[in-house]
């Protein structure tokens, strides 16, 4: 956006585009063609995007530490925390058998891709 605005202000045509570039941590998520209900589908998509059990394990390890150690450990966890992207930054492949869930996936922020 800044680049395009600067080009417009300078009266030059943009010669570069970010289209097709991926962000660090960007994922491709595959929707299972066989899953039948919303909850199963949502759990599958979330587990591909985020490793919640790993987060719980790391945070639970902090609970029994003394306050000073907990603070240091939390800071270390925060500094080494993996990059997480919102669903809108994930590429979601939706099989034709799951097209009925397309609006829900868009509502969650996914940008679905339907294979031809």
N, C-alpha and C. Protein backbone atom coordinates (compact mmCIF):
# COMPACT_ATOMS: atom_id res chain seq x y z
N UNK A 1 0.82 -1.18 0.00
CA UNK A 1 0.00 0.00 0.00
C UNK A 1 0.87 1.25 0.00
N UNK A 2 1.90 1.28 0.82
CA UNK A 2 2.78 2.44 0.87
C UNK A 2 3.49 2.59 -0.46
N UNK A 3 3.95 1.45 -1.00
CA UNK A 3 4.65 1.47 -2.29
C UNK A 3 3.75 2.03 -3.39
N UNK A 4 2.52 1.53 -3.45
CA UNK A 4 1.59 2.00 -4.48
C UNK A 4 1.29 3.49 -4.30
N UNK A 5 1.12 3.93 -3.06
CA UNK A 5 0.85 5.35 -2.79
C UNK A 5 2.04 6.22 -3.18
N UNK A 6 3.25 5.75 -2.89
CA UNK A 6 4.45 6.51 -3.26
C UNK A 6 4.56 6.61 -4.77
N UNK A 7 4.30 5.51 -5.47
CA UNK A 7 4.34 5.54 -6.94
C UNK A 7 3.32 6.53 -7.49
N UNK A 8 2.11 6.52 -6.92
CA UNK A 8 1.07 7.44 -7.37
C UNK A 8 1.49 8.88 -7.12
N UNK A 9 2.07 9.16 -5.95
CA UNK A 9 2.50 10.52 -5.62
C UNK A 9 3.62 10.99 -6.54
N UNK A 10 4.47 10.06 -6.95
CA UNK A 10 5.59 10.40 -7.83
C UNK A 10 5.22 10.36 -9.31
N UNK A 11 4.01 9.87 -9.59
CA UNK A 11 3.55 9.81 -10.96
C UNK A 11 4.23 8.73 -11.79
N UNK A 12 4.64 7.65 -11.12
CA UNK A 12 5.26 6.54 -11.85
C UNK A 12 4.42 5.28 -11.69
N UNK A 13 4.55 4.38 -12.65
CA UNK A 13 3.81 3.13 -12.59
C UNK A 13 4.56 2.14 -11.69
N UNK A 14 3.86 1.45 -10.80
CA UNK A 14 4.52 0.44 -9.97
C UNK A 14 5.11 -0.66 -10.86
N UNK A 15 6.32 -1.10 -10.53
CA UNK A 15 6.97 -2.14 -11.33
C UNK A 15 7.15 -3.43 -10.53
N UNK A 16 6.67 -3.45 -9.31
CA UNK A 16 6.82 -4.60 -8.45
C UNK A 16 5.49 -4.91 -7.80
N UNK A 17 5.22 -6.19 -7.56
CA UNK A 17 3.98 -6.60 -6.92
C UNK A 17 4.29 -7.68 -5.89
N UNK A 18 3.60 -7.63 -4.76
CA UNK A 18 3.78 -8.66 -3.74
C UNK A 18 2.92 -9.88 -4.01
N UNK A 19 2.12 -9.83 -5.07
CA UNK A 19 1.25 -10.95 -5.42
C UNK A 19 2.08 -12.22 -5.60
N UNK A 20 1.68 -13.28 -4.96
CA UNK A 20 2.39 -14.55 -5.08
C UNK A 20 3.46 -14.77 -4.03
N UNK A 21 3.80 -13.73 -3.27
CA UNK A 21 4.79 -13.90 -2.21
C UNK A 21 4.13 -14.53 -1.00
N UNK A 22 4.87 -15.29 -0.24
CA UNK A 22 4.33 -15.87 0.98
C UNK A 22 5.03 -15.26 2.19
N UNK A 23 4.32 -15.19 3.27
CA UNK A 23 4.87 -14.68 4.52
C UNK A 23 5.56 -15.80 5.28
N UNK A 24 6.57 -15.48 6.09
CA UNK A 24 7.15 -16.52 6.94
C UNK A 24 6.06 -17.12 7.83
N UNK A 25 6.04 -18.41 7.95
CA UNK A 25 5.03 -19.06 8.78
C UNK A 25 3.70 -19.29 8.07
N UNK A 26 3.61 -18.88 6.81
CA UNK A 26 2.35 -19.08 6.08
C UNK A 26 2.19 -20.56 5.77
N UNK A 27 0.99 -21.06 5.90
CA UNK A 27 0.73 -22.48 5.74
C UNK A 27 -0.26 -22.76 4.63
N UNK A 28 -0.17 -23.97 4.12
CA UNK A 28 -1.20 -24.49 3.23
C UNK A 28 -1.94 -25.55 4.02
N UNK A 29 -3.23 -25.37 4.14
CA UNK A 29 -4.06 -26.29 4.93
C UNK A 29 -4.96 -27.06 3.97
N UNK A 30 -5.01 -28.34 4.17
CA UNK A 30 -5.82 -29.21 3.32
C UNK A 30 -7.08 -29.62 4.07
N UNK A 31 -8.21 -29.41 3.45
CA UNK A 31 -9.48 -29.83 4.04
C UNK A 31 -9.74 -31.27 3.60
N UNK A 32 -10.04 -32.14 4.56
CA UNK A 32 -10.27 -33.55 4.27
C UNK A 32 -11.57 -33.74 3.50
N UNK A 33 -11.51 -34.49 2.44
CA UNK A 33 -12.69 -34.72 1.60
C UNK A 33 -13.73 -35.61 2.29
N UNK A 34 -13.34 -36.36 3.33
CA UNK A 34 -14.23 -37.33 3.96
C UNK A 34 -14.92 -36.82 5.22
N UNK A 35 -14.40 -35.79 5.85
CA UNK A 35 -14.99 -35.34 7.12
C UNK A 35 -16.40 -34.81 6.89
N UNK A 36 -17.28 -35.15 7.81
CA UNK A 36 -18.70 -34.89 7.57
C UNK A 36 -19.32 -33.76 8.39
N UNK A 37 -18.87 -33.55 9.61
CA UNK A 37 -19.56 -32.56 10.43
C UNK A 37 -18.66 -31.36 10.72
N UNK A 38 -19.32 -30.24 11.04
CA UNK A 38 -18.63 -28.97 11.26
C UNK A 38 -17.53 -29.04 12.32
N UNK A 39 -17.83 -29.65 13.45
CA UNK A 39 -16.87 -29.70 14.55
C UNK A 39 -15.62 -30.48 14.16
N UNK A 40 -15.78 -31.61 13.50
CA UNK A 40 -14.64 -32.41 13.05
C UNK A 40 -13.81 -31.62 12.04
N UNK A 41 -14.47 -30.96 11.13
CA UNK A 41 -13.76 -30.16 10.12
C UNK A 41 -13.01 -29.03 10.79
N UNK A 42 -13.67 -28.30 11.68
CA UNK A 42 -13.03 -27.17 12.35
C UNK A 42 -11.84 -27.64 13.19
N UNK A 43 -11.98 -28.74 13.93
CA UNK A 43 -10.87 -29.27 14.71
C UNK A 43 -9.69 -29.64 13.82
N UNK A 44 -9.97 -30.23 12.69
CA UNK A 44 -8.91 -30.62 11.76
C UNK A 44 -8.19 -29.39 11.22
N UNK A 45 -8.94 -28.37 10.83
CA UNK A 45 -8.33 -27.15 10.29
C UNK A 45 -7.50 -26.43 11.35
N UNK A 46 -8.05 -26.34 12.57
CA UNK A 46 -7.31 -25.66 13.65
C UNK A 46 -6.03 -26.40 14.00
N UNK A 47 -6.09 -27.73 14.04
CA UNK A 47 -4.89 -28.48 14.40
C UNK A 47 -3.81 -28.38 13.33
N UNK A 48 -4.21 -28.12 12.08
CA UNK A 48 -3.21 -27.91 11.03
C UNK A 48 -2.62 -26.50 11.11
N UNK A 49 -3.39 -25.55 11.60
CA UNK A 49 -2.92 -24.16 11.67
C UNK A 49 -2.15 -23.88 12.95
N UNK A 50 -2.59 -24.44 14.08
CA UNK A 50 -1.99 -24.16 15.38
C UNK A 50 -1.81 -25.45 16.15
N UNK A 51 -0.72 -25.55 16.87
CA UNK A 51 -0.46 -26.71 17.71
C UNK A 51 -0.80 -26.34 19.16
N UNK A 52 -2.11 -26.35 19.45
CA UNK A 52 -2.60 -25.89 20.74
C UNK A 52 -2.08 -26.73 21.90
N UNK A 53 -1.96 -28.03 21.71
CA UNK A 53 -1.47 -28.90 22.79
C UNK A 53 -0.05 -28.51 23.19
N UNK A 54 0.75 -28.13 22.24
CA UNK A 54 2.12 -27.69 22.53
C UNK A 54 2.10 -26.40 23.35
N UNK A 55 1.21 -25.47 23.00
CA UNK A 55 1.09 -24.23 23.77
C UNK A 55 0.70 -24.52 25.22
N UNK A 56 -0.29 -25.38 25.39
CA UNK A 56 -0.76 -25.72 26.74
C UNK A 56 0.39 -26.32 27.54
N UNK A 57 1.13 -27.24 26.93
CA UNK A 57 2.26 -27.89 27.62
C UNK A 57 3.29 -26.86 28.08
N UNK A 58 3.64 -25.93 27.20
CA UNK A 58 4.65 -24.92 27.56
C UNK A 58 4.15 -23.98 28.66
N UNK A 59 2.90 -23.57 28.57
CA UNK A 59 2.37 -22.66 29.59
C UNK A 59 2.15 -23.36 30.93
N UNK A 60 1.72 -24.61 30.89
CA UNK A 60 1.51 -25.35 32.13
C UNK A 60 2.83 -25.57 32.87
N UNK A 61 3.93 -25.67 32.14
CA UNK A 61 5.24 -25.86 32.76
C UNK A 61 5.63 -24.63 33.59
N UNK A 62 5.04 -23.49 33.30
CA UNK A 62 5.36 -22.26 34.02
C UNK A 62 4.67 -22.15 35.38
N UNK A 63 3.57 -22.85 35.55
CA UNK A 63 2.72 -22.68 36.72
C UNK A 63 3.44 -22.93 38.04
N UNK A 64 4.22 -23.99 38.11
CA UNK A 64 4.84 -24.36 39.38
C UNK A 64 6.19 -23.69 39.63
N UNK A 65 6.60 -22.83 38.75
CA UNK A 65 7.88 -22.13 38.95
C UNK A 65 7.69 -20.99 39.94
N UNK A 66 8.74 -20.66 40.70
CA UNK A 66 8.66 -19.46 41.56
C UNK A 66 8.47 -18.22 40.68
N UNK A 67 7.84 -17.17 41.20
CA UNK A 67 7.53 -15.99 40.39
C UNK A 67 8.71 -15.43 39.59
N UNK A 68 9.88 -15.32 40.18
CA UNK A 68 11.02 -14.75 39.45
C UNK A 68 11.43 -15.66 38.29
N UNK A 69 11.45 -16.96 38.54
CA UNK A 69 11.80 -17.92 37.48
C UNK A 69 10.72 -17.96 36.41
N UNK A 70 9.46 -17.86 36.85
CA UNK A 70 8.33 -17.87 35.91
C UNK A 70 8.43 -16.71 34.94
N UNK A 71 8.80 -15.55 35.45
CA UNK A 71 8.94 -14.37 34.61
C UNK A 71 10.02 -14.57 33.55
N UNK A 72 11.15 -15.09 33.97
CA UNK A 72 12.27 -15.34 33.04
C UNK A 72 11.88 -16.41 32.01
N UNK A 73 11.25 -17.48 32.48
CA UNK A 73 10.83 -18.56 31.59
C UNK A 73 9.78 -18.07 30.59
N UNK A 74 8.83 -17.25 31.07
CA UNK A 74 7.80 -16.72 30.18
C UNK A 74 8.44 -15.83 29.11
N UNK A 75 9.38 -15.01 29.51
CA UNK A 75 10.06 -14.14 28.56
C UNK A 75 10.80 -14.97 27.51
N UNK A 76 11.44 -16.04 27.93
CA UNK A 76 12.11 -16.93 26.98
C UNK A 76 11.12 -17.59 26.03
N UNK A 77 9.98 -18.01 26.57
CA UNK A 77 8.93 -18.61 25.74
C UNK A 77 8.41 -17.60 24.72
N UNK A 78 8.17 -16.38 25.18
CA UNK A 78 7.68 -15.33 24.29
C UNK A 78 8.67 -15.04 23.17
N UNK A 79 9.96 -15.00 23.51
CA UNK A 79 10.99 -14.67 22.51
C UNK A 79 11.20 -15.78 21.49
N UNK A 80 10.90 -17.00 21.87
CA UNK A 80 11.12 -18.13 20.95
C UNK A 80 9.81 -18.70 20.41
N UNK A 81 8.71 -18.02 20.66
CA UNK A 81 7.40 -18.50 20.24
C UNK A 81 7.34 -18.56 18.72
N UNK A 82 6.84 -19.65 18.16
CA UNK A 82 6.79 -19.76 16.69
C UNK A 82 5.85 -18.73 16.07
N UNK A 83 6.16 -18.34 14.87
CA UNK A 83 5.30 -17.40 14.14
C UNK A 83 3.95 -18.06 13.92
N UNK A 84 2.91 -17.32 14.25
CA UNK A 84 1.54 -17.81 14.02
C UNK A 84 0.85 -16.80 13.14
N UNK A 85 0.17 -17.28 12.17
CA UNK A 85 -0.59 -16.42 11.27
C UNK A 85 -2.07 -16.70 11.43
N UNK A 86 -2.86 -15.66 11.26
CA UNK A 86 -4.32 -15.81 11.30
C UNK A 86 -4.77 -16.67 10.12
N UNK A 87 -5.97 -17.22 10.22
CA UNK A 87 -6.49 -18.07 9.15
C UNK A 87 -6.45 -17.37 7.80
N UNK A 88 -6.64 -16.05 7.79
CA UNK A 88 -6.68 -15.32 6.52
C UNK A 88 -5.36 -15.40 5.77
N UNK A 89 -4.28 -15.76 6.46
CA UNK A 89 -2.98 -15.88 5.82
C UNK A 89 -2.64 -17.31 5.45
N UNK A 90 -3.59 -18.21 5.62
CA UNK A 90 -3.38 -19.61 5.26
C UNK A 90 -4.07 -19.90 3.93
N UNK A 91 -3.42 -20.68 3.14
CA UNK A 91 -4.03 -21.15 1.90
C UNK A 91 -4.80 -22.42 2.24
N UNK A 92 -6.08 -22.42 1.97
CA UNK A 92 -6.95 -23.56 2.31
C UNK A 92 -7.43 -24.22 1.03
N UNK A 93 -7.09 -25.49 0.88
CA UNK A 93 -7.58 -26.25 -0.27
C UNK A 93 -8.87 -26.93 0.12
N UNK A 94 -9.94 -26.62 -0.60
CA UNK A 94 -11.27 -27.17 -0.31
C UNK A 94 -11.65 -28.15 -1.42
N UNK A 95 -11.75 -29.44 -1.10
CA UNK A 95 -12.17 -30.41 -2.12
C UNK A 95 -13.63 -30.18 -2.52
N UNK A 96 -13.96 -30.56 -3.72
CA UNK A 96 -15.32 -30.35 -4.22
C UNK A 96 -16.37 -31.01 -3.33
N UNK A 97 -16.00 -32.10 -2.66
CA UNK A 97 -16.95 -32.77 -1.77
C UNK A 97 -17.28 -31.94 -0.54
N UNK A 98 -16.49 -30.91 -0.25
CA UNK A 98 -16.71 -30.08 0.94
C UNK A 98 -17.13 -28.65 0.59
N UNK A 99 -17.54 -28.43 -0.62
CA UNK A 99 -17.91 -27.09 -1.09
C UNK A 99 -19.05 -26.49 -0.26
N UNK A 100 -19.87 -27.34 0.36
CA UNK A 100 -20.99 -26.85 1.18
C UNK A 100 -20.51 -26.07 2.39
N UNK A 101 -19.25 -26.26 2.80
CA UNK A 101 -18.70 -25.56 3.96
C UNK A 101 -17.96 -24.28 3.58
N UNK A 102 -17.97 -23.93 2.32
CA UNK A 102 -17.18 -22.82 1.81
C UNK A 102 -17.49 -21.50 2.54
N UNK A 103 -18.76 -21.17 2.72
CA UNK A 103 -19.11 -19.91 3.38
C UNK A 103 -18.62 -19.86 4.83
N UNK A 104 -18.69 -20.99 5.54
CA UNK A 104 -18.19 -21.02 6.91
C UNK A 104 -16.68 -20.79 6.94
N UNK A 105 -15.96 -21.38 6.00
CA UNK A 105 -14.51 -21.23 5.96
C UNK A 105 -14.12 -19.78 5.64
N UNK A 106 -14.86 -19.17 4.74
CA UNK A 106 -14.62 -17.75 4.42
C UNK A 106 -14.94 -16.90 5.65
N UNK A 107 -16.01 -17.24 6.37
CA UNK A 107 -16.38 -16.53 7.59
C UNK A 107 -15.32 -16.61 8.66
N UNK A 108 -14.58 -17.70 8.72
CA UNK A 108 -13.49 -17.85 9.68
C UNK A 108 -12.24 -17.08 9.25
N UNK A 109 -12.24 -16.61 7.99
CA UNK A 109 -11.11 -15.82 7.52
C UNK A 109 -10.24 -16.53 6.50
N UNK A 110 -10.51 -17.81 6.22
CA UNK A 110 -9.71 -18.52 5.23
C UNK A 110 -9.93 -17.94 3.84
N UNK A 111 -8.92 -18.06 3.02
CA UNK A 111 -9.04 -17.72 1.60
C UNK A 111 -8.94 -19.05 0.85
N UNK A 112 -10.08 -19.68 0.62
CA UNK A 112 -10.07 -21.02 0.05
C UNK A 112 -9.66 -21.07 -1.42
N UNK A 113 -9.09 -22.20 -1.77
CA UNK A 113 -8.73 -22.50 -3.15
C UNK A 113 -9.41 -23.82 -3.48
N UNK A 114 -10.14 -23.84 -4.58
CA UNK A 114 -10.85 -25.05 -4.98
C UNK A 114 -10.10 -25.66 -6.16
N UNK A 115 -9.57 -26.87 -5.98
CA UNK A 115 -8.84 -27.50 -7.10
C UNK A 115 -9.78 -27.80 -8.25
N UNK A 116 -9.26 -27.69 -9.43
CA UNK A 116 -10.07 -27.94 -10.63
C UNK A 116 -10.08 -29.40 -10.99
